[in-house]
Amino acid sequence: MGQKEQTRKTTFLEGMVDDRYIVYGSAKYERAKDVFRSNLYEMVECAAQHNVPICLSTLVSNLKDQYPFISLFSPSITEDQRLKWEEYYMKGSEFEKSGDDIQALQMFENAIKLIR
């Protein structure tokens, strides 16, 4: 007897893998959050119905097969703000490497103020 071909739909999160640039707070980001929350509730409910103890925790780091996340500026940030932010960030990094934590912190705080 021939094997029956197995088919299944791709989940929403699996479909997102191809889109490496998901803007924080965007509609796609919010949808992923909703799907994740729904999946979590479903797992907890299933475990409870079968009297299976469950422990949820925060994953500190998931490096295996995980490409780094990419930071993007908000679309509302102007080119001048972005360039100034990068300048502050670079200066802050240089101060940090040289051990001048006070100046580094000041530069990083300046960068943060630009984009808030």
N, C-alpha and C. Protein backbone atom coordinates (compact mmCIF):
# COMPACT_ATOMS: atom_id res chain seq x y z
N MET A 1 0.84 -1.18 0.00
CA MET A 1 0.00 0.00 0.00
C MET A 1 0.88 1.24 0.00
N GLY A 2 0.60 2.21 -0.82
CA GLY A 2 1.40 3.43 -0.90
C GLY A 2 1.19 4.32 0.32
N GLN A 3 2.24 5.05 0.64
CA GLN A 3 2.13 5.96 1.78
C GLN A 3 1.26 7.15 1.42
N LYS A 4 0.42 7.51 2.35
CA LYS A 4 -0.42 8.68 2.15
C LYS A 4 0.45 9.92 2.32
N GLU A 5 0.36 10.83 1.37
CA GLU A 5 1.15 12.05 1.45
C GLU A 5 0.66 12.90 2.61
N GLN A 6 1.62 13.29 3.45
CA GLN A 6 1.27 14.08 4.62
C GLN A 6 1.27 15.56 4.26
N THR A 7 0.19 16.21 4.59
CA THR A 7 0.11 17.64 4.32
C THR A 7 -0.29 18.36 5.60
N ARG A 8 0.22 19.57 5.75
CA ARG A 8 -0.23 20.40 6.86
C ARG A 8 -0.03 21.85 6.46
N LYS A 9 -0.83 22.70 7.02
CA LYS A 9 -0.72 24.11 6.73
C LYS A 9 0.47 24.69 7.49
N THR A 10 1.08 25.69 6.91
CA THR A 10 2.15 26.41 7.58
C THR A 10 1.53 27.31 8.64
N THR A 11 2.14 27.33 9.82
CA THR A 11 1.62 28.20 10.86
C THR A 11 1.99 29.64 10.55
N PHE A 12 1.32 30.55 11.23
CA PHE A 12 1.60 31.98 11.04
C PHE A 12 3.05 32.29 11.35
N LEU A 13 3.56 31.76 12.46
CA LEU A 13 4.94 32.06 12.85
C LEU A 13 5.94 31.45 11.88
N GLU A 14 5.64 30.27 11.35
CA GLU A 14 6.53 29.68 10.34
C GLU A 14 6.59 30.56 9.09
N GLY A 15 5.48 31.15 8.75
CA GLY A 15 5.43 32.02 7.59
C GLY A 15 6.21 33.31 7.79
N MET A 16 6.38 33.71 9.04
CA MET A 16 7.11 34.94 9.34
C MET A 16 8.62 34.78 9.19
N VAL A 17 9.11 33.56 9.20
CA VAL A 17 10.55 33.31 9.15
C VAL A 17 11.18 33.96 7.92
N ASP A 18 10.45 33.98 6.83
CA ASP A 18 10.99 34.57 5.60
C ASP A 18 11.10 36.10 5.69
N ASP A 19 10.36 36.69 6.61
CA ASP A 19 10.37 38.14 6.76
C ASP A 19 11.24 38.49 7.96
N ARG A 20 12.51 38.79 7.69
CA ARG A 20 13.46 39.03 8.78
C ARG A 20 13.33 40.43 9.36
N TYR A 21 12.57 41.30 8.72
CA TYR A 21 12.43 42.68 9.17
C TYR A 21 11.01 42.93 9.64
N ILE A 22 10.75 42.64 10.89
CA ILE A 22 9.43 42.87 11.45
C ILE A 22 9.57 44.03 12.41
N VAL A 23 8.93 45.12 12.09
CA VAL A 23 9.06 46.35 12.86
C VAL A 23 8.33 46.21 14.20
N TYR A 24 9.04 46.55 15.26
CA TYR A 24 8.47 46.53 16.60
C TYR A 24 7.21 47.39 16.63
N GLY A 25 6.13 46.82 17.15
CA GLY A 25 4.88 47.56 17.25
C GLY A 25 4.03 47.55 15.99
N SER A 26 4.56 46.98 14.90
CA SER A 26 3.81 46.94 13.65
C SER A 26 2.64 45.96 13.76
N ALA A 27 1.77 45.97 12.76
CA ALA A 27 0.63 45.05 12.74
C ALA A 27 1.11 43.60 12.75
N LYS A 28 2.17 43.31 12.00
CA LYS A 28 2.70 41.94 11.96
C LYS A 28 3.27 41.54 13.33
N TYR A 29 3.94 42.47 13.98
CA TYR A 29 4.48 42.22 15.32
C TYR A 29 3.34 41.92 16.29
N GLU A 30 2.29 42.74 16.26
CA GLU A 30 1.16 42.54 17.16
C GLU A 30 0.45 41.22 16.88
N ARG A 31 0.34 40.87 15.60
CA ARG A 31 -0.30 39.59 15.23
C ARG A 31 0.52 38.42 15.75
N ALA A 32 1.83 38.49 15.63
CA ALA A 32 2.69 37.41 16.13
C ALA A 32 2.55 37.28 17.64
N LYS A 33 2.47 38.41 18.33
CA LYS A 33 2.28 38.39 19.78
C LYS A 33 0.96 37.72 20.15
N ASP A 34 -0.10 38.05 19.40
CA ASP A 34 -1.41 37.45 19.67
C ASP A 34 -1.39 35.94 19.45
N VAL A 35 -0.76 35.52 18.36
CA VAL A 35 -0.68 34.08 18.06
C VAL A 35 0.14 33.37 19.13
N PHE A 36 1.25 33.96 19.53
CA PHE A 36 2.09 33.36 20.57
C PHE A 36 1.30 33.21 21.87
N ARG A 37 0.60 34.28 22.26
CA ARG A 37 -0.19 34.25 23.50
C ARG A 37 -1.26 33.17 23.41
N SER A 38 -1.94 33.09 22.28
CA SER A 38 -2.99 32.09 22.09
C SER A 38 -2.42 30.67 22.20
N ASN A 39 -1.26 30.45 21.57
CA ASN A 39 -0.63 29.13 21.63
C ASN A 39 -0.24 28.77 23.06
N LEU A 40 0.25 29.75 23.81
CA LEU A 40 0.65 29.53 25.19
C LEU A 40 -0.57 29.13 26.03
N TYR A 41 -1.67 29.88 25.88
CA TYR A 41 -2.89 29.56 26.63
C TYR A 41 -3.39 28.16 26.26
N GLU A 42 -3.32 27.81 25.00
CA GLU A 42 -3.79 26.50 24.56
C GLU A 42 -2.95 25.38 25.19
N MET A 43 -1.63 25.57 25.24
CA MET A 43 -0.77 24.56 25.87
C MET A 43 -1.07 24.40 27.36
N VAL A 44 -1.25 25.52 28.05
CA VAL A 44 -1.54 25.47 29.49
C VAL A 44 -2.88 24.81 29.73
N GLU A 45 -3.87 25.15 28.93
CA GLU A 45 -5.20 24.55 29.07
C GLU A 45 -5.16 23.04 28.82
N CYS A 46 -4.45 22.63 27.79
CA CYS A 46 -4.33 21.20 27.48
C CYS A 46 -3.65 20.45 28.63
N ALA A 47 -2.59 21.03 29.15
CA ALA A 47 -1.88 20.39 30.26
C ALA A 47 -2.78 20.29 31.48
N ALA A 48 -3.53 21.33 31.78
CA ALA A 48 -4.42 21.33 32.94
C ALA A 48 -5.51 20.28 32.79
N GLN A 49 -6.08 20.15 31.59
CA GLN A 49 -7.14 19.16 31.36
C GLN A 49 -6.65 17.74 31.58
N HIS A 50 -5.35 17.52 31.40
CA HIS A 50 -4.78 16.18 31.55
C HIS A 50 -3.94 16.04 32.83
N ASN A 51 -4.12 17.00 33.73
CA ASN A 51 -3.41 16.99 35.02
C ASN A 51 -1.90 16.85 34.86
N VAL A 52 -1.38 17.53 33.87
CA VAL A 52 0.06 17.52 33.62
C VAL A 52 0.64 18.83 34.15
N PRO A 53 1.62 18.73 35.06
CA PRO A 53 2.23 19.97 35.56
C PRO A 53 2.96 20.69 34.42
N ILE A 54 2.91 21.99 34.47
CA ILE A 54 3.58 22.76 33.42
C ILE A 54 4.33 23.91 34.09
N CYS A 55 5.48 24.21 33.54
CA CYS A 55 6.30 25.30 34.05
C CYS A 55 6.64 26.21 32.88
N LEU A 56 6.29 27.48 32.99
CA LEU A 56 6.61 28.46 31.96
C LEU A 56 7.73 29.34 32.48
N SER A 57 8.67 29.63 31.63
CA SER A 57 9.78 30.49 32.04
C SER A 57 10.22 31.36 30.87
N THR A 58 11.09 32.27 31.17
CA THR A 58 11.64 33.15 30.15
C THR A 58 12.95 32.55 29.66
N LEU A 59 13.09 32.46 28.36
CA LEU A 59 14.32 31.97 27.77
C LEU A 59 15.33 33.11 27.76
N VAL A 60 16.45 32.90 28.43
CA VAL A 60 17.45 33.96 28.52
C VAL A 60 18.14 34.16 27.18
N SER A 61 18.49 33.07 26.52
CA SER A 61 19.21 33.18 25.26
C SER A 61 18.94 31.95 24.41
N ASN A 62 18.66 32.17 23.15
CA ASN A 62 18.44 31.08 22.22
C ASN A 62 19.36 31.31 21.03
N LEU A 63 20.56 30.75 21.11
CA LEU A 63 21.54 31.03 20.08
C LEU A 63 21.60 29.96 19.01
N LYS A 64 21.17 28.74 19.31
CA LYS A 64 21.28 27.67 18.33
C LYS A 64 20.38 27.96 17.14
N ASP A 65 20.97 28.01 15.97
CA ASP A 65 20.25 28.22 14.71
C ASP A 65 19.45 29.52 14.68
N GLN A 66 19.82 30.49 15.50
CA GLN A 66 19.08 31.76 15.56
C GLN A 66 19.97 32.88 15.05
N TYR A 67 19.59 33.47 13.94
CA TYR A 67 20.32 34.62 13.43
C TYR A 67 20.06 35.81 14.36
N PRO A 68 20.98 36.74 14.42
CA PRO A 68 20.74 37.91 15.28
C PRO A 68 19.54 38.72 14.80
N PHE A 69 18.87 39.31 15.76
CA PHE A 69 17.78 40.20 15.42
C PHE A 69 18.37 41.48 14.85
N ILE A 70 17.61 42.14 14.07
CA ILE A 70 18.08 43.34 13.40
C ILE A 70 17.30 44.53 13.97
N SER A 71 18.03 45.53 14.42
CA SER A 71 17.39 46.73 14.94
C SER A 71 17.06 47.67 13.79
N LEU A 72 15.88 48.22 13.84
CA LEU A 72 15.44 49.19 12.83
C LEU A 72 14.98 50.45 13.53
N PHE A 73 15.18 51.58 12.88
CA PHE A 73 14.66 52.83 13.40
C PHE A 73 13.18 52.91 13.06
N SER A 74 12.45 53.61 13.89
CA SER A 74 11.04 53.88 13.62
C SER A 74 10.93 54.68 12.33
N PRO A 75 9.90 54.45 11.54
CA PRO A 75 9.72 55.24 10.31
C PRO A 75 9.59 56.74 10.59
N SER A 76 9.23 57.12 11.82
CA SER A 76 9.07 58.54 12.14
C SER A 76 10.40 59.24 12.42
N ILE A 77 11.49 58.49 12.52
CA ILE A 77 12.81 59.08 12.77
C ILE A 77 13.36 59.66 11.47
N THR A 78 13.79 60.91 11.53
CA THR A 78 14.33 61.55 10.33
C THR A 78 15.76 61.08 10.06
N GLU A 79 16.24 61.34 8.87
CA GLU A 79 17.62 60.98 8.51
C GLU A 79 18.61 61.71 9.41
N ASP A 80 18.35 62.98 9.70
CA ASP A 80 19.24 63.75 10.58
C ASP A 80 19.28 63.15 11.98
N GLN A 81 18.12 62.73 12.50
CA GLN A 81 18.08 62.09 13.82
C GLN A 81 18.87 60.78 13.81
N ARG A 82 18.70 60.01 12.76
CA ARG A 82 19.41 58.73 12.67
C ARG A 82 20.91 58.94 12.64
N LEU A 83 21.37 59.91 11.84
CA LEU A 83 22.81 60.18 11.75
C LEU A 83 23.37 60.67 13.09
N LYS A 84 22.62 61.52 13.77
CA LYS A 84 23.06 62.03 15.07
C LYS A 84 23.06 60.89 16.08
N TRP A 85 22.05 60.02 16.04
CA TRP A 85 22.00 58.87 16.93
C TRP A 85 23.24 57.99 16.74
N GLU A 86 23.56 57.72 15.48
CA GLU A 86 24.73 56.88 15.19
C GLU A 86 26.01 57.53 15.69
N GLU A 87 26.10 58.85 15.58
CA GLU A 87 27.27 59.57 16.08
C GLU A 87 27.40 59.40 17.60
N TYR A 88 26.29 59.63 18.32
CA TYR A 88 26.31 59.44 19.77
C TYR A 88 26.65 58.00 20.14
N TYR A 89 26.05 57.07 19.42
CA TYR A 89 26.29 55.66 19.72
C TYR A 89 27.76 55.28 19.51
N MET A 90 28.34 55.71 18.41
CA MET A 90 29.75 55.42 18.13
C MET A 90 30.66 56.04 19.19
N LYS A 91 30.40 57.30 19.54
CA LYS A 91 31.20 57.96 20.57
C LYS A 91 31.05 57.22 21.90
N GLY A 92 29.82 56.84 22.23
CA GLY A 92 29.58 56.09 23.47
C GLY A 92 30.35 54.78 23.49
N SER A 93 30.37 54.09 22.36
CA SER A 93 31.10 52.82 22.27
C SER A 93 32.60 53.04 22.45
N GLU A 94 33.11 54.11 21.86
CA GLU A 94 34.54 54.42 22.01
C GLU A 94 34.88 54.74 23.47
N PHE A 95 34.05 55.56 24.12
CA PHE A 95 34.28 55.86 25.53
C PHE A 95 34.22 54.59 26.38
N GLU A 96 33.26 53.73 26.06
CA GLU A 96 33.11 52.49 26.82
C GLU A 96 34.37 51.62 26.68
N LYS A 97 34.87 51.49 25.47
CA LYS A 97 36.08 50.68 25.24
C LYS A 97 37.29 51.25 25.96
N SER A 98 37.35 52.58 26.08
CA SER A 98 38.50 53.20 26.74
C SER A 98 38.34 53.22 28.26
N GLY A 99 37.19 52.74 28.76
CA GLY A 99 36.98 52.66 30.20
C GLY A 99 36.33 53.89 30.80
N ASP A 100 35.94 54.85 29.99
CA ASP A 100 35.31 56.07 30.48
C ASP A 100 33.79 55.86 30.50
N ASP A 101 33.32 55.16 31.52
CA ASP A 101 31.91 54.79 31.59
C ASP A 101 30.98 55.99 31.74
N ILE A 102 31.43 57.03 32.41
CA ILE A 102 30.59 58.21 32.62
C ILE A 102 30.31 58.89 31.28
N GLN A 103 31.36 59.11 30.48
CA GLN A 103 31.17 59.72 29.16
C GLN A 103 30.37 58.80 28.24
N ALA A 104 30.62 57.50 28.34
CA ALA A 104 29.88 56.53 27.52
C ALA A 104 28.39 56.62 27.83
N LEU A 105 28.07 56.62 29.11
CA LEU A 105 26.67 56.70 29.53
C LEU A 105 26.02 57.98 29.02
N GLN A 106 26.74 59.08 29.09
CA GLN A 106 26.20 60.36 28.61
C GLN A 106 25.87 60.29 27.11
N MET A 107 26.77 59.70 26.33
CA MET A 107 26.54 59.59 24.89
C MET A 107 25.34 58.68 24.59
N PHE A 108 25.25 57.55 25.30
CA PHE A 108 24.13 56.64 25.09
C PHE A 108 22.81 57.29 25.50
N GLU A 109 22.83 58.07 26.58
CA GLU A 109 21.62 58.78 26.99
C GLU A 109 21.21 59.82 25.95
N ASN A 110 22.20 60.51 25.38
CA ASN A 110 21.92 61.48 24.32
C ASN A 110 21.26 60.77 23.12
N ALA A 111 21.77 59.60 22.78
CA ALA A 111 21.21 58.84 21.65
C ALA A 111 19.76 58.46 21.94
N ILE A 112 19.49 58.03 23.16
CA ILE A 112 18.13 57.63 23.52
C ILE A 112 17.18 58.81 23.44
N LYS A 113 17.61 59.97 23.93
CA LYS A 113 16.75 61.17 23.91
C LYS A 113 16.35 61.56 22.49
N LEU A 114 17.24 61.30 21.54
CA LEU A 114 16.94 61.65 20.14
C LEU A 114 15.76 60.90 19.57
N ILE A 115 15.56 59.68 19.99
CA ILE A 115 14.55 58.84 19.35
C ILE A 115 13.29 58.64 20.21
N ARG A 116 13.24 59.31 21.31
CA ARG A 116 12.03 59.19 22.16
C ARG A 116 11.06 60.29 21.86
